[in-house]
Amino acid sequence: MQERISNCVLQVIAESEGTRGEGVYLIDLKVKGKASGRKIEILMDADIGIRIHQCAYLSRRIREKIEGDDELLELIGENFDLMVSSPGLGEPIIIPRQYIRHLGKLLQISYINSPGEQAELRGHLLEVSLSEESEARIVIMPEKEKRKGQQPKTEGVTLYLNQVIRAVPEAEL
């Protein structure tokens, strides 16, 4: 059922070319509950950030698509809630494409360093290269530590995405 709903969502996104839904991509989809009160949660974003009117537009199109498919509607149940939203601040990055949206922004990253140990890094995302999944990488400029008499690092740290355990965008104050 989840795969059928996912295909339905991807079809709506493909059909949204030239409309309010253009440029939006699927991040995650969850189906919860029983047929008597099923809840479908869809997480979407866009490279420049998704807007509330885009979520509303896509929600209407997805609901129409589901309700127009009698077989799928029977699987889900007629009484379902549909929630289309974007990841909020502090939510971890789930798919590589999300890094593009966070260029220049502050990230808290947990990763595996070269000795194979888990390490933490906090800094601004300078560069994203997603050409090949195995070589996909990001460059982070670590936050400057304010210590007297010490020169701050001025070089970015390159991390391959297969090293990254968790990356969370943070608010800058």
Protein backbone atom coordinates (compact mmCIF):
# COMPACT_ATOMS: atom_id res chain seq x y z
CA MET A 1 0.00 0.00 0.00
CA GLN A 2 2.78 2.44 0.91
CA GLU A 3 4.45 1.83 -2.44
CA ARG A 4 1.16 2.48 -4.29
CA ILE A 5 0.70 5.75 -2.40
CA SER A 6 4.33 6.69 -3.11
CA ASN A 7 3.81 6.06 -6.83
CA CYS A 8 0.67 8.19 -6.67
CA VAL A 9 2.61 11.05 -5.02
CA LEU A 10 5.44 10.80 -7.57
CA GLN A 11 2.90 10.90 -10.40
CA VAL A 12 1.31 14.07 -8.95
CA ILE A 13 4.76 15.67 -8.66
CA ALA A 14 5.56 14.76 -12.29
CA GLU A 15 2.23 16.21 -13.43
CA SER A 16 2.94 19.42 -11.49
CA GLU A 17 5.48 20.70 -14.02
CA GLY A 18 4.59 24.33 -14.79
CA THR A 19 2.24 24.64 -11.80
CA ARG A 20 2.54 25.58 -8.14
CA GLY A 21 4.01 22.15 -7.42
CA GLU A 22 6.95 22.53 -9.79
CA GLY A 23 10.38 21.77 -8.31
CA VAL A 24 9.03 19.83 -5.34
CA TYR A 25 10.43 16.41 -4.44
CA LEU A 26 9.39 13.63 -2.08
CA ILE A 27 11.47 13.10 1.05
CA ASP A 28 9.47 10.59 3.07
CA LEU A 29 6.06 8.98 3.28
CA LYS A 30 4.51 7.21 6.26
CA VAL A 31 1.19 5.42 6.54
CA LYS A 32 -0.10 4.97 10.09
CA GLY A 33 -3.15 3.49 11.71
CA LYS A 34 -5.90 1.08 10.70
CA ALA A 35 -8.33 1.36 7.78
CA SER A 36 -10.95 2.97 10.04
CA GLY A 37 -8.75 6.04 10.61
CA ARG A 38 -5.60 5.87 8.53
CA LYS A 39 -3.13 8.76 8.53
CA ILE A 40 -0.85 9.45 5.55
CA GLU A 41 2.09 11.75 6.29
CA ILE A 42 4.03 13.05 3.31
CA LEU A 43 7.23 15.04 3.72
CA MET A 44 8.24 17.17 0.72
CA ASP A 45 10.73 19.91 -0.06
CA ALA A 46 12.15 21.95 -2.94
CA ASP A 47 15.69 23.11 -3.67
CA ILE A 48 14.70 26.70 -2.81
CA GLY A 49 12.40 25.66 0.03
CA ILE A 50 8.76 24.64 -0.20
CA ARG A 51 5.98 27.12 0.50
CA ILE A 52 2.69 26.53 2.32
CA HIS A 53 0.64 27.13 -0.84
CA GLN A 54 2.66 24.42 -2.59
CA CYS A 55 1.91 21.94 0.22
CA ALA A 56 -1.81 22.80 0.01
CA TYR A 57 -1.83 22.48 -3.80
CA LEU A 58 -0.06 19.10 -3.73
CA SER A 59 -2.26 17.86 -0.89
CA ARG A 60 -5.39 18.55 -2.96
CA ARG A 61 -3.93 16.85 -6.06
CA ILE A 62 -2.77 13.79 -4.08
CA ARG A 63 -6.17 13.44 -2.37
CA GLU A 64 -7.92 13.67 -5.77
CA LYS A 65 -5.57 11.01 -7.19
CA ILE A 66 -6.14 8.64 -4.25
CA GLU A 67 -9.91 9.14 -4.25
CA GLY A 68 -9.98 8.57 -8.02
CA ASP A 69 -8.33 5.16 -7.65
CA ASP A 70 -11.06 2.83 -6.30
CA GLU A 71 -8.61 -0.02 -5.68
CA LEU A 72 -6.21 2.19 -3.70
CA LEU A 73 -9.06 3.86 -1.81
CA GLU A 74 -10.32 0.42 -0.76
CA LEU A 75 -6.84 -0.44 0.58
CA ILE A 76 -6.50 2.83 2.51
CA GLY A 77 -10.08 3.17 3.65
CA GLU A 78 -12.37 6.10 2.89
CA ASN A 79 -11.76 7.81 6.23
CA PHE A 80 -8.12 8.90 5.95
CA ASP A 81 -6.17 11.98 6.96
CA LEU A 82 -3.61 13.34 4.54
CA MET A 83 -0.84 15.61 5.79
CA VAL A 84 1.62 17.17 3.34
CA SER A 85 4.38 19.19 5.00
CA SER A 86 8.02 20.20 4.83
CA PRO A 87 10.78 19.28 7.25
CA GLY A 88 11.06 21.82 10.03
CA LEU A 89 14.21 23.37 11.43
CA GLY A 90 16.03 20.86 13.56
CA GLU A 91 14.79 17.90 11.50
CA PRO A 92 17.64 15.75 10.15
CA ILE A 93 18.44 15.64 6.46
CA ILE A 94 17.06 12.40 5.05
CA ILE A 95 17.97 12.41 1.35
CA PRO A 96 21.10 13.85 -0.32
CA ARG A 97 19.15 16.38 -2.44
CA GLN A 98 18.16 18.23 0.74
CA TYR A 99 21.73 19.46 1.19
CA ILE A 100 21.25 21.81 -1.79
CA ARG A 101 18.53 23.70 0.09
CA HIS A 102 20.86 24.19 3.05
CA LEU A 103 23.84 25.69 1.20
CA GLY A 104 25.34 28.47 3.33
CA LYS A 105 23.42 27.38 6.41
CA LEU A 106 24.62 26.07 9.77
CA LEU A 107 24.61 22.27 10.22
CA GLN A 108 25.39 19.97 13.13
CA ILE A 109 26.91 16.80 11.69
CA SER A 110 27.77 13.41 13.17
CA TYR A 111 30.12 11.45 10.94
CA ILE A 112 32.69 8.67 10.82
CA ASN A 113 36.24 10.11 10.59
CA SER A 114 39.24 8.44 8.90
CA PRO A 115 40.24 6.33 11.96
CA GLY A 116 36.67 4.96 11.89
CA GLU A 117 35.44 6.80 14.99
CA GLN A 118 32.29 8.84 15.36
CA ALA A 119 32.97 12.60 15.39
CA GLU A 120 30.92 15.80 15.56
CA LEU A 121 31.26 18.92 13.43
CA ARG A 122 29.31 22.15 13.47
CA GLY A 123 29.68 24.59 10.63
CA HIS A 124 28.32 26.19 7.49
CA LEU A 125 27.63 24.16 4.37
CA LEU A 126 29.89 25.60 1.64
CA GLU A 127 29.56 23.12 -1.18
CA VAL A 128 27.45 20.16 -2.28
CA SER A 129 28.45 17.66 -4.97
CA LEU A 130 25.87 14.97 -5.70
CA SER A 131 27.21 13.73 -9.06
CA GLU A 132 27.63 10.08 -8.04
CA GLU A 133 26.19 8.55 -4.89
CA SER A 134 29.48 6.84 -3.92
CA GLU A 135 31.44 10.07 -4.40
CA ALA A 136 28.71 12.47 -3.26
CA ARG A 137 30.25 14.93 -0.82
CA ILE A 138 29.75 18.14 1.09
CA VAL A 139 32.22 20.77 2.28
CA ILE A 140 31.69 22.31 5.73
CA MET A 141 33.41 25.40 7.10
CA PRO A 142 33.75 24.64 10.83
CA GLU A 143 32.50 27.28 13.23
CA LYS A 144 35.32 29.41 14.58
CA GLU A 145 36.33 28.66 18.14
CA LYS A 146 36.93 31.86 20.03
CA ARG A 147 40.23 31.30 21.82
CA LYS A 148 42.75 34.03 22.45
CA GLY A 149 45.95 33.83 20.46
CA GLN A 150 44.77 31.01 18.20
CA GLN A 151 44.20 31.33 14.47
CA PRO A 152 40.82 29.96 13.38
CA LYS A 153 40.68 27.33 10.63
CA THR A 154 40.03 28.84 7.24
CA GLU A 155 39.77 25.57 5.31
CA GLY A 156 36.59 23.65 4.67
CA VAL A 157 36.23 20.03 5.75
CA THR A 158 35.19 17.62 2.99
CA LEU A 159 32.89 14.79 4.03
CA TYR A 160 31.64 12.06 1.73
CA LEU A 161 27.95 11.39 2.29
CA ASN A 162 28.65 7.75 3.11
CA GLN A 163 30.60 9.07 6.16
CA VAL A 164 27.70 11.19 7.42
CA ILE A 165 25.58 9.55 10.12
CA ARG A 166 23.28 12.51 10.77
CA ALA A 167 23.12 16.11 9.57
CA VAL A 168 20.75 18.56 11.22
CA PRO A 169 20.20 22.17 10.07
CA GLU A 170 20.32 24.63 12.96
CA ALA A 171 19.03 28.13 13.54
CA GLU A 172 21.58 30.93 13.63
CA LEU A 173 21.14 33.47 16.35
